Amino acid sequence: MQLLIPVVGTAGGWGLVVVAAAGVAAGLINAVVGSGSLFTFPTLLALGVPSVTANVSNNIGLVPGNVAAAWGYRAELTGQRRRTATLVPASLLGSVVGAALLLVLPARAFSAVVPVLIALSVVLVVLQPRLQAALRRRSAAAADARAADAEVAAPARAAASDGADSAANPRAADAVAPDRPTAPPAAAGPAAVSPLLVAGVFVAGVYGGYFGAAQGVLLIGLLGSLVVETLQRLNGVKNVLALVVNATAAGVFAVFASSRIAWPVVVAIAVGSTVGGLLGARVGRRLPPTVLRVVIACVGIAAIVRLLA
């Protein structure tokens, strides 16, 4: 119970209440954008919890909130099962690597890169409409090219088939061959998952397993730049991937760093983040894309300022 002393001892019985309130804010912002750890992590530090213990306990405590957010966005996941299933292994593996780095490396070794990653994510979110428009044009051009190729190849295939039929059955040569439907062109590329996106999700998983703050901004930036889809539907995928990262890291910490877990803190954050995750799913789904993009950018900038302070 020594890890409970800093929380309760410096702020009385209200310490865990403050932590739970921060958990509500974190769960809400995680469902809408990400960066919820920027509420809970500084709160734990201010209450006297050691930094590594605060990071580990915060990660575990936010998992129920991630579950609530993913469940709240389940409607937006319709038709995205294949895409999500392709990206989940990258998040899982990245999270394992990131959690291992947290346990074996000094915090300063990785923290220098964090502001750069968040800044890049904010830029990607702001540029998302133009990037998606370019992807749509490229995909439409590829689809038109495939359709044109199919139209050119169809007569040759039909003639070859008619010749074979005539040789086998001369009487059939006098008959008018019915039109043969050609196979529709393959689906365009936007639904596919590019290797670049998989690699980016892996890097985001490493970051999320190590620290996690603004992980959602990073994921939304990647998804919005490399997938042609609405922002709300991408937010649903983001919530699932963030859940995978946090849950995987939590498992690593529970097995290999149980002495660094402050379980009262975990429970307080878990309760708060679950409430916040459910509220955030309701609020976030009603936000127009432009408003949601502005919120993401503001949260990302605030994260950079706080990390550099």
Protein backbone atom coordinates (compact mmCIF):
# COMPACT_ATOMS: atom_id res chain seq x y z
CA MET A 1 0.00 0.00 0.00
CA GLN A 2 3.00 2.31 -0.04
CA LEU A 3 2.11 3.49 -3.52
CA LEU A 4 -1.24 4.72 -2.19
CA ILE A 5 0.45 7.01 0.36
CA PRO A 6 1.51 9.71 -2.13
CA VAL A 7 -2.00 9.90 -3.58
CA VAL A 8 -3.92 9.98 -0.34
CA GLY A 9 -1.24 11.39 1.89
CA THR A 10 -0.68 14.65 0.04
CA ALA A 11 -4.32 15.37 -0.80
CA GLY A 12 -6.21 13.46 1.87
CA GLY A 13 -9.09 11.23 0.88
CA TRP A 14 -9.72 13.47 -2.11
CA GLY A 15 -6.60 12.25 -3.88
CA LEU A 16 -8.25 9.26 -5.52
CA VAL A 17 -11.33 11.36 -6.28
CA VAL A 18 -9.12 13.76 -8.21
CA VAL A 19 -7.55 10.82 -10.04
CA ALA A 20 -10.99 9.45 -10.94
CA ALA A 21 -12.08 12.86 -12.23
CA ALA A 22 -8.97 13.03 -14.38
CA GLY A 23 -9.89 9.54 -15.60
CA VAL A 24 -13.30 10.79 -16.76
CA ALA A 25 -11.64 13.57 -18.76
CA ALA A 26 -9.09 11.13 -20.18
CA GLY A 27 -11.73 8.59 -21.23
CA LEU A 28 -13.81 11.28 -22.91
CA ILE A 29 -10.93 12.82 -24.87
CA ASN A 30 -9.56 9.38 -25.79
CA ALA A 31 -12.88 8.44 -27.40
CA VAL A 32 -13.02 11.66 -29.41
CA VAL A 33 -9.35 12.22 -30.23
CA GLY A 34 -6.75 10.62 -27.99
CA SER A 35 -4.21 12.18 -25.61
CA GLY A 36 -6.25 11.36 -22.52
CA SER A 37 -3.03 10.52 -20.69
CA LEU A 38 -2.21 14.22 -20.73
CA PHE A 39 -4.93 14.57 -18.08
CA THR A 40 -4.20 11.59 -15.88
CA PHE A 41 -0.40 11.32 -16.07
CA PRO A 42 0.37 14.90 -14.89
CA THR A 43 -2.29 14.51 -12.17
CA LEU A 44 -0.52 11.44 -10.79
CA LEU A 45 2.83 13.20 -10.87
CA ALA A 46 1.37 16.20 -9.05
CA LEU A 47 0.05 13.87 -6.34
CA GLY A 48 3.49 12.40 -5.78
CA VAL A 49 3.31 9.11 -7.68
CA PRO A 50 6.74 8.15 -9.15
CA SER A 51 6.91 8.70 -12.91
CA VAL A 52 7.31 5.09 -14.05
CA THR A 53 4.65 3.91 -11.61
CA ALA A 54 2.36 6.68 -12.83
CA ASN A 55 2.93 5.71 -16.46
CA VAL A 56 2.35 1.99 -15.89
CA SER A 57 -0.68 2.45 -13.63
CA ASN A 58 -2.17 5.04 -15.95
CA ASN A 59 -1.84 2.71 -18.93
CA ILE A 60 -3.62 -0.15 -17.17
CA GLY A 61 -6.32 2.10 -15.75
CA LEU A 62 -7.25 3.51 -19.16
CA VAL A 63 -7.95 0.09 -20.72
CA PRO A 64 -11.63 -0.06 -19.56
CA GLY A 65 -12.13 3.40 -21.03
CA ASN A 66 -10.68 2.17 -24.33
CA VAL A 67 -13.15 -0.73 -24.27
CA ALA A 68 -16.04 1.69 -23.67
CA ALA A 69 -14.90 3.97 -26.50
CA ALA A 70 -14.49 1.09 -28.97
CA TRP A 71 -17.93 -0.23 -28.04
CA GLY A 72 -19.47 3.22 -28.42
CA TYR A 73 -18.08 3.48 -31.95
CA ARG A 74 -19.06 -0.06 -33.00
CA ALA A 75 -21.52 1.24 -35.63
CA GLU A 76 -18.68 3.07 -37.40
CA LEU A 77 -16.75 -0.21 -37.66
CA THR A 78 -19.33 -1.76 -39.99
CA GLY A 79 -17.62 -2.86 -43.19
CA GLN A 80 -14.14 -2.29 -41.74
CA ARG A 81 -13.49 -5.72 -40.25
CA ARG A 82 -10.83 -6.69 -42.79
CA ARG A 83 -9.02 -3.38 -42.50
CA THR A 84 -9.05 -3.47 -38.70
CA ALA A 85 -7.98 -7.12 -38.55
CA THR A 86 -5.02 -6.34 -40.81
CA LEU A 87 -3.82 -3.49 -38.59
CA VAL A 88 -4.37 -5.11 -35.18
CA PRO A 89 -1.24 -7.35 -35.32
CA ALA A 90 0.94 -4.31 -36.05
CA SER A 91 -0.50 -2.51 -33.03
CA LEU A 92 -0.05 -5.55 -30.83
CA LEU A 93 3.56 -6.17 -31.81
CA GLY A 94 4.43 -2.49 -31.56
CA SER A 95 2.91 -2.29 -28.09
CA VAL A 96 5.02 -5.21 -26.87
CA VAL A 97 8.15 -3.51 -28.15
CA GLY A 98 7.20 -0.17 -26.62
CA ALA A 99 6.34 -1.66 -23.21
CA ALA A 100 9.64 -3.53 -23.19
CA LEU A 101 11.51 -0.30 -23.98
CA LEU A 102 9.81 1.43 -21.07
CA LEU A 103 11.03 -1.25 -18.69
CA VAL A 104 14.64 -1.39 -19.92
CA LEU A 105 15.48 2.13 -21.16
CA PRO A 106 15.64 5.49 -19.39
CA ALA A 107 12.65 7.72 -20.09
CA ARG A 108 14.76 10.42 -21.74
CA ALA A 109 15.87 8.04 -24.50
CA PHE A 110 12.47 8.07 -26.17
CA SER A 111 10.80 11.27 -24.93
CA ALA A 112 12.84 13.49 -27.29
CA VAL A 113 11.01 12.01 -30.29
CA VAL A 114 7.49 12.36 -28.84
CA PRO A 115 6.88 16.07 -29.69
CA VAL A 116 8.06 15.47 -33.27
CA LEU A 117 5.66 12.54 -33.73
CA ILE A 118 2.73 14.53 -32.35
CA ALA A 119 3.56 17.54 -34.54
CA LEU A 120 3.69 15.31 -37.62
CA SER A 121 0.33 13.81 -36.66
CA VAL A 122 -1.29 17.24 -36.32
CA VAL A 123 0.01 18.25 -39.76
CA LEU A 124 -1.39 15.03 -41.26
CA VAL A 125 -4.80 15.64 -39.67
CA VAL A 126 -4.92 19.22 -40.99
CA LEU A 127 -3.91 18.10 -44.49
CA GLN A 128 -6.23 15.07 -44.43
CA PRO A 129 -8.89 16.45 -46.84
CA ARG A 130 -6.30 17.17 -49.56
CA LEU A 131 -4.50 13.88 -49.01
CA GLN A 132 -7.75 11.92 -49.23
CA ALA A 133 -8.75 13.81 -52.38
CA ALA A 134 -5.45 12.81 -53.98
CA LEU A 135 -6.01 9.19 -52.94
CA ARG A 136 -9.50 9.23 -54.45
CA ARG A 137 -8.21 10.62 -57.75
CA ARG A 138 -5.45 8.01 -57.88
CA SER A 139 -7.88 5.18 -57.07
CA ALA A 140 -10.41 6.40 -59.64
CA ALA A 141 -7.70 6.58 -62.31
CA ALA A 142 -6.56 3.04 -61.47
CA ALA A 143 -10.15 1.75 -61.64
CA ASP A 144 -10.71 3.46 -65.02
CA ALA A 145 -7.50 1.93 -66.36
CA ARG A 146 -8.55 -1.55 -65.24
CA ALA A 147 -11.99 -1.10 -66.79
CA ALA A 148 -10.45 0.07 -70.07
CA ASP A 149 -8.13 -2.93 -70.13
CA ALA A 150 -11.08 -5.24 -69.52
CA GLU A 151 -13.02 -3.68 -72.44
CA VAL A 152 -10.05 -4.09 -74.79
CA ALA A 153 -9.41 -7.68 -73.77
CA ALA A 154 -13.07 -8.78 -73.87
CA PRO A 155 -13.46 -8.96 -77.71
CA ALA A 156 -10.25 -10.92 -78.09
CA ARG A 157 -11.34 -13.41 -75.44
CA ALA A 158 -14.78 -13.70 -77.04
CA ALA A 159 -13.29 -14.28 -80.52
CA ALA A 160 -10.94 -16.93 -79.21
CA SER A 161 -13.78 -18.65 -77.40
CA ASP A 162 -16.01 -18.49 -80.51
CA GLY A 163 -13.23 -19.97 -82.63
CA ALA A 164 -12.84 -22.85 -80.25
CA ASP A 165 -16.59 -23.44 -80.19
CA SER A 166 -16.77 -23.36 -84.00
CA ALA A 167 -13.99 -25.88 -84.36
CA ALA A 168 -15.70 -28.22 -81.94
CA ASN A 169 -19.21 -27.70 -83.37
CA PRO A 170 -19.39 -26.25 -86.90
CA ARG A 171 -23.15 -25.72 -86.68
CA ALA A 172 -22.65 -23.36 -83.76
CA ALA A 173 -20.64 -21.04 -85.99
CA ASP A 174 -23.82 -19.99 -87.83
CA ALA A 175 -25.55 -19.15 -84.58
CA VAL A 176 -25.32 -15.69 -83.13
CA ALA A 177 -23.33 -15.95 -79.94
CA PRO A 178 -24.98 -14.21 -77.02
CA ASP A 179 -23.18 -11.36 -75.34
CA ARG A 180 -20.78 -12.65 -72.75
CA PRO A 181 -20.72 -10.53 -69.60
CA THR A 182 -17.24 -9.58 -68.60
CA ALA A 183 -16.08 -9.77 -65.03
CA PRO A 184 -16.31 -6.43 -63.23
CA PRO A 185 -13.03 -4.69 -62.61
CA ALA A 186 -11.37 -5.29 -59.28
CA ALA A 187 -12.23 -2.98 -56.45
CA ALA A 188 -10.22 0.18 -56.24
CA GLY A 189 -7.41 0.60 -53.79
CA PRO A 190 -8.81 2.76 -50.95
CA ALA A 191 -10.14 -0.23 -49.01
CA ALA A 192 -6.75 -1.92 -49.11
CA VAL A 193 -4.19 -1.48 -46.34
CA SER A 194 -0.83 -0.28 -47.62
CA PRO A 195 2.49 -1.50 -46.19
CA LEU A 196 3.23 2.12 -45.27
CA LEU A 197 0.12 2.26 -43.09
CA VAL A 198 0.99 -1.05 -41.40
CA ALA A 199 4.48 0.25 -40.66
CA GLY A 200 3.07 3.50 -39.32
CA VAL A 201 0.61 1.68 -37.07
CA PHE A 202 3.48 -0.43 -35.75
CA VAL A 203 5.47 2.72 -34.87
CA ALA A 204 2.37 4.19 -33.23
CA GLY A 205 2.07 0.95 -31.23
CA VAL A 206 5.67 1.27 -30.05
CA TYR A 207 4.97 4.84 -28.98
CA GLY A 208 1.70 3.87 -27.31
CA GLY A 209 3.27 0.99 -25.40
CA TYR A 210 6.05 3.25 -24.20
CA PHE A 211 4.15 6.40 -23.25
CA GLY A 212 0.81 6.66 -25.03
CA ALA A 213 -0.13 10.34 -24.71
CA ALA A 214 -1.44 11.65 -28.07
CA GLN A 215 -1.36 8.10 -29.46
CA GLY A 216 -4.83 8.74 -30.88
CA VAL A 217 -3.66 11.86 -32.71
CA LEU A 218 -0.84 9.85 -34.29
CA LEU A 219 -3.20 7.06 -35.36
CA ILE A 220 -5.82 9.43 -36.78
CA GLY A 221 -3.11 11.27 -38.70
CA LEU A 222 -1.89 8.02 -40.25
CA LEU A 223 -5.33 6.60 -41.03
CA GLY A 224 -6.67 9.87 -42.41
CA SER A 225 -3.69 10.30 -44.70
CA LEU A 226 -3.52 6.77 -46.10
CA VAL A 227 -7.13 5.56 -46.10
CA VAL A 228 -10.03 7.07 -48.05
CA GLU A 229 -12.75 7.04 -45.41
CA THR A 230 -14.77 9.45 -43.27
CA LEU A 231 -13.12 10.78 -40.15
CA GLN A 232 -15.77 9.31 -37.86
CA ARG A 233 -15.30 5.80 -39.28
CA LEU A 234 -11.54 6.13 -38.97
CA ASN A 235 -12.05 7.19 -35.37
CA GLY A 236 -13.76 3.85 -34.76
CA VAL A 237 -10.71 2.00 -36.10
CA LYS A 238 -8.45 4.25 -34.05
CA ASN A 239 -10.32 3.33 -30.86
CA VAL A 240 -9.88 -0.39 -31.54
CA LEU A 241 -6.16 -0.02 -32.24
CA ALA A 242 -5.65 2.12 -29.12
CA LEU A 243 -7.45 -0.56 -27.10
CA VAL A 244 -5.13 -3.25 -28.49
CA VAL A 245 -2.04 -1.19 -27.69
CA ASN A 246 -3.06 -0.30 -24.13
CA ALA A 247 -4.37 -3.77 -23.30
CA THR A 248 -1.20 -5.43 -24.62
CA ALA A 249 1.08 -3.06 -22.73
CA ALA A 250 -1.02 -3.57 -19.60
CA GLY A 251 -0.48 -7.32 -19.88
CA VAL A 252 3.28 -6.84 -20.22
CA PHE A 253 3.37 -4.56 -17.19
CA ALA A 254 1.21 -6.90 -15.10
CA VAL A 255 3.57 -9.81 -15.79
CA PHE A 256 6.96 -8.13 -15.71
CA ALA A 257 6.46 -4.96 -13.63
CA SER A 258 3.79 -5.80 -11.07
CA SER A 259 5.81 -4.10 -8.31
CA ARG A 260 5.43 -0.79 -10.17
CA ILE A 261 1.63 -0.92 -10.35
CA ALA A 262 -0.41 1.21 -7.92
CA TRP A 263 -3.66 -0.74 -7.96
CA PRO A 264 -5.80 1.86 -6.11
CA VAL A 265 -4.76 4.36 -8.76
CA VAL A 266 -5.58 1.82 -11.50
CA VAL A 267 -9.08 1.30 -10.10
CA ALA A 268 -9.75 5.05 -9.80
CA ILE A 269 -8.65 5.72 -13.39
CA ALA A 270 -10.53 2.65 -14.67
CA VAL A 271 -13.83 3.81 -13.17
CA GLY A 272 -13.39 7.35 -14.41
CA SER A 273 -12.19 6.43 -17.88
CA THR A 274 -15.08 4.01 -18.42
CA VAL A 275 -17.60 6.76 -17.71
CA GLY A 276 -15.63 9.17 -19.86
CA GLY A 277 -15.30 6.68 -22.71
CA LEU A 278 -19.05 6.15 -22.91
CA LEU A 279 -19.69 9.90 -22.79
CA GLY A 280 -16.98 10.58 -25.35
CA ALA A 281 -18.43 8.10 -27.83
CA ARG A 282 -21.76 9.93 -27.65
CA VAL A 283 -20.21 13.37 -28.01
CA GLY A 284 -17.60 12.47 -30.62
CA ARG A 285 -20.01 10.76 -33.01
CA ARG A 286 -22.07 13.97 -33.23
CA LEU A 287 -19.17 16.26 -34.11
CA PRO A 288 -18.89 17.39 -37.76
CA PRO A 289 -15.61 16.38 -39.46
CA THR A 290 -14.27 19.95 -39.50
CA VAL A 291 -14.97 20.45 -35.80
CA LEU A 292 -13.44 17.08 -34.97
CA ARG A 293 -10.35 17.97 -37.02
CA VAL A 294 -9.98 21.27 -35.15
CA VAL A 295 -10.32 19.49 -31.80
CA ILE A 296 -7.64 16.99 -32.81
CA ALA A 297 -5.27 19.76 -33.87
CA CYS A 298 -5.83 21.73 -30.65
CA VAL A 299 -5.28 18.69 -28.46
CA GLY A 300 -2.13 17.79 -30.37
CA ILE A 301 -0.70 21.30 -30.04
CA ALA A 302 -1.56 21.34 -26.34
CA ALA A 303 0.21 18.01 -25.96
CA ILE A 304 3.37 19.37 -27.59
CA VAL A 305 3.34 22.46 -25.40
CA ARG A 306 2.87 20.42 -22.25
CA LEU A 307 5.58 17.91 -23.15
CA LEU A 308 8.07 20.65 -23.95
CA ALA A 309 7.26 22.70 -20.86
